[in-house]
Amino acid sequence: MLFKKLIVCTVTLVLSAAALAAPKKLVHPKEFAKGRPFSPGLLVGDTLYIAGQVGQDLKTGTIPDDFEAEVKQTLDNIGLVLKEAGMSFDNAVSVSVYLTDMELFQRMNAVYITYFKEPRPVRTTVGIARLVGKAKIEITVTASK
């Protein structure tokens, strides 16, 4: 019995070490500009880490004036990274939302729930003073296969 437990512990340790040593793979959809000082996404093992995305149109660089359109564009940008990694919004396990005005929370949530279905990922929403340009929202996502 002790020998069996020792084998199980050893196998668990080896698998854990292998996961820690997993190489980072760049996830960079063709729609995203090259040469930025960050990666749109990194896949480490079966876990995808998506950099904070704002509602910037990837072709024009503009952020919509309408807040709901900005949230939708933000999530569409995230969707491109998920798709490039062979995932979808169903794979999301953790989401962080940054809002420049917490009064926008309900409006953000109305769009958010159309992308993330039950069971929804865990989420943190934080009010902050300012984002890049005129962005009112930024979202980061962690997903797992």
C-alpha atoms as a PDB file:
ATOM      1  CA  MET A   1       0.000   0.000   0.000  1.00  0.00           C
ATOM      2  CA  LEU A   2       2.818   2.389   0.889  1.00  0.00           C
ATOM      3  CA  PHE A   3       4.567   1.534  -2.390  1.00  0.00           C
ATOM      4  CA  LYS A   4       1.379   2.302  -4.350  1.00  0.00           C
ATOM      5  CA  LYS A   5       1.046   5.701  -2.622  1.00  0.00           C
ATOM      6  CA  LEU A   6       4.687   6.449  -3.371  1.00  0.00           C
ATOM      7  CA  ILE A   7       4.147   5.694  -7.077  1.00  0.00           C
ATOM      8  CA  VAL A   8       1.037   7.906  -7.196  1.00  0.00           C
ATOM      9  CA  CYS A   9       2.928  10.756  -5.496  1.00  0.00           C
ATOM     10  CA  THR A  10       5.865  10.362  -7.870  1.00  0.00           C
ATOM     11  CA  VAL A  11       3.634  10.390 -10.967  1.00  0.00           C
ATOM     12  CA  THR A  12       1.791  13.457  -9.655  1.00  0.00           C
ATOM     13  CA  LEU A  13       5.086  15.243  -9.017  1.00  0.00           C
ATOM     14  CA  VAL A  14       6.400  14.411 -12.501  1.00  0.00           C
ATOM     15  CA  LEU A  15       3.185  15.605 -14.173  1.00  0.00           C
ATOM     16  CA  SER A  16       3.201  18.815 -12.119  1.00  0.00           C
ATOM     17  CA  ALA A  17       6.808  19.497 -13.073  1.00  0.00           C
ATOM     18  CA  ALA A  18       5.994  18.891 -16.736  1.00  0.00           C
ATOM     19  CA  ALA A  19       3.148  21.416 -16.575  1.00  0.00           C
ATOM     20  CA  LEU A  20       5.443  24.009 -15.019  1.00  0.00           C
ATOM     21  CA  ALA A  21       7.993  23.437 -17.752  1.00  0.00           C
ATOM     22  CA  ALA A  22       5.415  23.807 -20.554  1.00  0.00           C
ATOM     23  CA  PRO A  23       6.698  26.154 -23.251  1.00  0.00           C
ATOM     24  CA  LYS A  24       4.922  29.429 -23.956  1.00  0.00           C
ATOM     25  CA  LYS A  25       3.299  29.585 -27.384  1.00  0.00           C
ATOM     26  CA  LEU A  26       2.432  32.950 -28.893  1.00  0.00           C
ATOM     27  CA  VAL A  27      -1.209  33.314 -29.935  1.00  0.00           C
ATOM     28  CA  HIS A  28      -1.347  36.188 -32.412  1.00  0.00           C
ATOM     29  CA  PRO A  29      -4.394  36.398 -34.723  1.00  0.00           C
ATOM     30  CA  LYS A  30      -3.628  37.902 -38.123  1.00  0.00           C
ATOM     31  CA  GLU A  31      -6.053  40.752 -37.403  1.00  0.00           C
ATOM     32  CA  PHE A  32      -3.824  42.063 -34.593  1.00  0.00           C
ATOM     33  CA  ALA A  33      -0.997  44.498 -35.342  1.00  0.00           C
ATOM     34  CA  LYS A  34       2.556  43.218 -35.100  1.00  0.00           C
ATOM     35  CA  GLY A  35       5.368  44.871 -33.176  1.00  0.00           C
ATOM     36  CA  ARG A  36       3.504  45.799 -30.010  1.00  0.00           C
ATOM     37  CA  PRO A  37       5.324  45.502 -26.666  1.00  0.00           C
ATOM     38  CA  PHE A  38       3.010  42.668 -25.540  1.00  0.00           C
ATOM     39  CA  SER A  39       1.483  39.468 -26.891  1.00  0.00           C
ATOM     40  CA  PRO A  40      -2.271  39.259 -27.560  1.00  0.00           C
ATOM     41  CA  GLY A  41      -2.234  35.795 -26.013  1.00  0.00           C
ATOM     42  CA  LEU A  42       0.102  33.173 -24.611  1.00  0.00           C
ATOM     43  CA  LEU A  43      -0.755  29.493 -24.462  1.00  0.00           C
ATOM     44  CA  VAL A  44       1.048  27.648 -21.673  1.00  0.00           C
ATOM     45  CA  GLY A  45       0.099  23.991 -21.660  1.00  0.00           C
ATOM     46  CA  ASP A  46      -3.697  23.992 -21.875  1.00  0.00           C
ATOM     47  CA  THR A  47      -4.073  27.479 -20.385  1.00  0.00           C
ATOM     48  CA  LEU A  48      -4.500  30.597 -22.515  1.00  0.00           C
ATOM     49  CA  TYR A  49      -3.697  34.013 -21.061  1.00  0.00           C
ATOM     50  CA  ILE A  50      -5.220  36.884 -23.052  1.00  0.00           C
ATOM     51  CA  ALA A  51      -3.759  40.366 -22.671  1.00  0.00           C
ATOM     52  CA  GLY A  52      -6.088  43.187 -21.716  1.00  0.00           C
ATOM     53  CA  GLN A  53      -8.200  44.131 -24.704  1.00  0.00           C
ATOM     54  CA  VAL A  54     -10.016  47.398 -25.317  1.00  0.00           C
ATOM     55  CA  GLY A  55     -12.796  48.092 -27.803  1.00  0.00           C
ATOM     56  CA  GLN A  56     -10.461  49.308 -30.516  1.00  0.00           C
ATOM     57  CA  ASP A  57     -11.423  48.417 -34.066  1.00  0.00           C
ATOM     58  CA  LEU A  58      -8.433  46.414 -35.266  1.00  0.00           C
ATOM     59  CA  LYS A  59      -8.541  47.881 -38.786  1.00  0.00           C
ATOM     60  CA  THR A  60      -9.137  51.571 -38.066  1.00  0.00           C
ATOM     61  CA  GLY A  61      -7.770  51.863 -34.524  1.00  0.00           C
ATOM     62  CA  THR A  62     -10.877  53.753 -33.413  1.00  0.00           C
ATOM     63  CA  ILE A  63     -12.931  53.120 -30.298  1.00  0.00           C
ATOM     64  CA  PRO A  64     -16.704  53.447 -30.744  1.00  0.00           C
ATOM     65  CA  ASP A  65     -18.478  56.362 -29.049  1.00  0.00           C
ATOM     66  CA  ASP A  66     -21.358  54.057 -28.060  1.00  0.00           C
ATOM     67  CA  PHE A  67     -20.414  52.158 -24.877  1.00  0.00           C
ATOM     68  CA  GLU A  68     -22.261  48.932 -25.744  1.00  0.00           C
ATOM     69  CA  ALA A  69     -20.503  48.892 -29.137  1.00  0.00           C
ATOM     70  CA  GLU A  70     -17.188  49.360 -27.313  1.00  0.00           C
ATOM     71  CA  VAL A  71     -17.908  46.391 -25.027  1.00  0.00           C
ATOM     72  CA  LYS A  72     -18.933  44.262 -28.022  1.00  0.00           C
ATOM     73  CA  GLN A  73     -15.752  45.184 -29.919  1.00  0.00           C
ATOM     74  CA  THR A  74     -13.656  44.392 -26.836  1.00  0.00           C
ATOM     75  CA  LEU A  75     -15.233  40.942 -26.579  1.00  0.00           C
ATOM     76  CA  ASP A  76     -14.986  40.380 -30.342  1.00  0.00           C
ATOM     77  CA  ASN A  77     -11.230  41.086 -30.101  1.00  0.00           C
ATOM     78  CA  ILE A  78     -10.980  38.556 -27.262  1.00  0.00           C
ATOM     79  CA  GLY A  79     -12.945  36.088 -29.382  1.00  0.00           C
ATOM     80  CA  LEU A  80     -10.304  36.320 -32.127  1.00  0.00           C
ATOM     81  CA  VAL A  81      -7.561  35.330 -29.679  1.00  0.00           C
ATOM     82  CA  LEU A  82      -9.667  32.483 -28.283  1.00  0.00           C
ATOM     83  CA  LYS A  83     -10.406  31.214 -31.804  1.00  0.00           C
ATOM     84  CA  GLU A  84      -6.731  31.393 -32.812  1.00  0.00           C
ATOM     85  CA  ALA A  85      -5.942  29.153 -29.828  1.00  0.00           C
ATOM     86  CA  GLY A  86      -8.691  26.688 -30.797  1.00  0.00           C
ATOM     87  CA  MET A  87     -10.970  27.831 -27.983  1.00  0.00           C
ATOM     88  CA  SER A  88     -14.210  29.735 -27.472  1.00  0.00           C
ATOM     89  CA  PHE A  89     -15.833  31.808 -24.741  1.00  0.00           C
ATOM     90  CA  ASP A  90     -16.952  28.500 -23.213  1.00  0.00           C
ATOM     91  CA  ASN A  91     -13.292  27.850 -22.311  1.00  0.00           C
ATOM     92  CA  ALA A  92     -12.959  31.033 -20.243  1.00  0.00           C
ATOM     93  CA  VAL A  93     -12.366  30.364 -16.548  1.00  0.00           C
ATOM     94  CA  SER A  94     -11.450  33.824 -15.251  1.00  0.00           C
ATOM     95  CA  VAL A  95     -12.236  37.346 -16.455  1.00  0.00           C
ATOM     96  CA  SER A  96     -11.080  40.730 -15.182  1.00  0.00           C
ATOM     97  CA  VAL A  97     -13.028  43.812 -16.261  1.00  0.00           C
ATOM     98  CA  TYR A  98     -11.682  47.335 -15.797  1.00  0.00           C
ATOM     99  CA  LEU A  99     -14.179  50.213 -16.099  1.00  0.00           C
ATOM    100  CA  THR A 100     -13.431  53.932 -16.015  1.00  0.00           C
ATOM    101  CA  ASP A 101     -16.942  54.533 -14.691  1.00  0.00           C
ATOM    102  CA  MET A 102     -18.650  51.999 -12.437  1.00  0.00           C
ATOM    103  CA  GLU A 103     -21.992  53.542 -13.435  1.00  0.00           C
ATOM    104  CA  LEU A 104     -21.461  51.613 -16.712  1.00  0.00           C
ATOM    105  CA  PHE A 105     -21.463  48.248 -14.901  1.00  0.00           C
ATOM    106  CA  GLN A 106     -25.047  47.215 -15.753  1.00  0.00           C
ATOM    107  CA  ARG A 107     -24.646  48.242 -19.391  1.00  0.00           C
ATOM    108  CA  MET A 108     -21.394  46.237 -19.614  1.00  0.00           C
ATOM    109  CA  ASN A 109     -23.050  43.259 -17.972  1.00  0.00           C
ATOM    110  CA  ALA A 110     -25.945  43.284 -20.456  1.00  0.00           C
ATOM    111  CA  VAL A 111     -23.468  42.739 -23.322  1.00  0.00           C
ATOM    112  CA  TYR A 112     -21.128  40.472 -21.322  1.00  0.00           C
ATOM    113  CA  ILE A 113     -23.775  37.817 -20.623  1.00  0.00           C
ATOM    114  CA  THR A 114     -24.448  37.409 -24.351  1.00  0.00           C
ATOM    115  CA  TYR A 115     -20.837  36.175 -24.789  1.00  0.00           C
ATOM    116  CA  PHE A 116     -20.285  34.168 -21.617  1.00  0.00           C
ATOM    117  CA  LYS A 117     -22.899  31.454 -21.094  1.00  0.00           C
ATOM    118  CA  GLU A 118     -23.615  29.403 -17.955  1.00  0.00           C
ATOM    119  CA  PRO A 119     -21.594  28.371 -16.108  1.00  0.00           C
ATOM    120  CA  ARG A 120     -19.923  31.735 -16.480  1.00  0.00           C
ATOM    121  CA  PRO A 121     -16.246  32.214 -15.590  1.00  0.00           C
ATOM    122  CA  VAL A 122     -15.252  33.807 -12.306  1.00  0.00           C
ATOM    123  CA  ARG A 123     -14.983  37.556 -12.682  1.00  0.00           C
ATOM    124  CA  THR A 124     -13.509  40.601 -11.030  1.00  0.00           C
ATOM    125  CA  THR A 125     -14.708  44.070 -12.008  1.00  0.00           C
ATOM    126  CA  VAL A 126     -12.646  47.063 -10.950  1.00  0.00           C
ATOM    127  CA  GLY A 127     -13.257  50.785 -11.315  1.00  0.00           C
ATOM    128  CA  ILE A 128     -10.156  52.649 -12.460  1.00  0.00           C
ATOM    129  CA  ALA A 129      -9.292  56.261 -13.220  1.00  0.00           C
ATOM    130  CA  ARG A 130      -8.236  55.958 -16.858  1.00  0.00           C
ATOM    131  CA  LEU A 131      -7.409  53.639 -19.746  1.00  0.00           C
ATOM    132  CA  VAL A 132      -5.483  54.127 -22.982  1.00  0.00           C
ATOM    133  CA  GLY A 133      -6.973  56.731 -25.326  1.00  0.00           C
ATOM    134  CA  LYS A 134     -10.703  57.165 -24.856  1.00  0.00           C
ATOM    135  CA  ALA A 135     -11.348  53.537 -23.838  1.00  0.00           C
ATOM    136  CA  LYS A 136     -13.881  53.055 -21.057  1.00  0.00           C
ATOM    137  CA  ILE A 137     -13.363  49.291 -20.680  1.00  0.00           C
ATOM    138  CA  GLU A 138     -10.527  46.772 -20.759  1.00  0.00           C
ATOM    139  CA  ILE A 139     -10.932  43.033 -20.282  1.00  0.00           C
ATOM    140  CA  THR A 140      -8.432  40.230 -19.642  1.00  0.00           C
ATOM    141  CA  VAL A 141      -9.324  36.543 -19.903  1.00  0.00           C
ATOM    142  CA  THR A 142      -7.768  33.269 -18.806  1.00  0.00           C
ATOM    143  CA  ALA A 143      -9.096  30.193 -20.603  1.00  0.00           C
ATOM    144  CA  SER A 144      -8.394  26.476 -20.381  1.00  0.00           C
ATOM    145  CA  LYS A 145      -8.898  23.577 -22.782  1.00  0.00           C
END
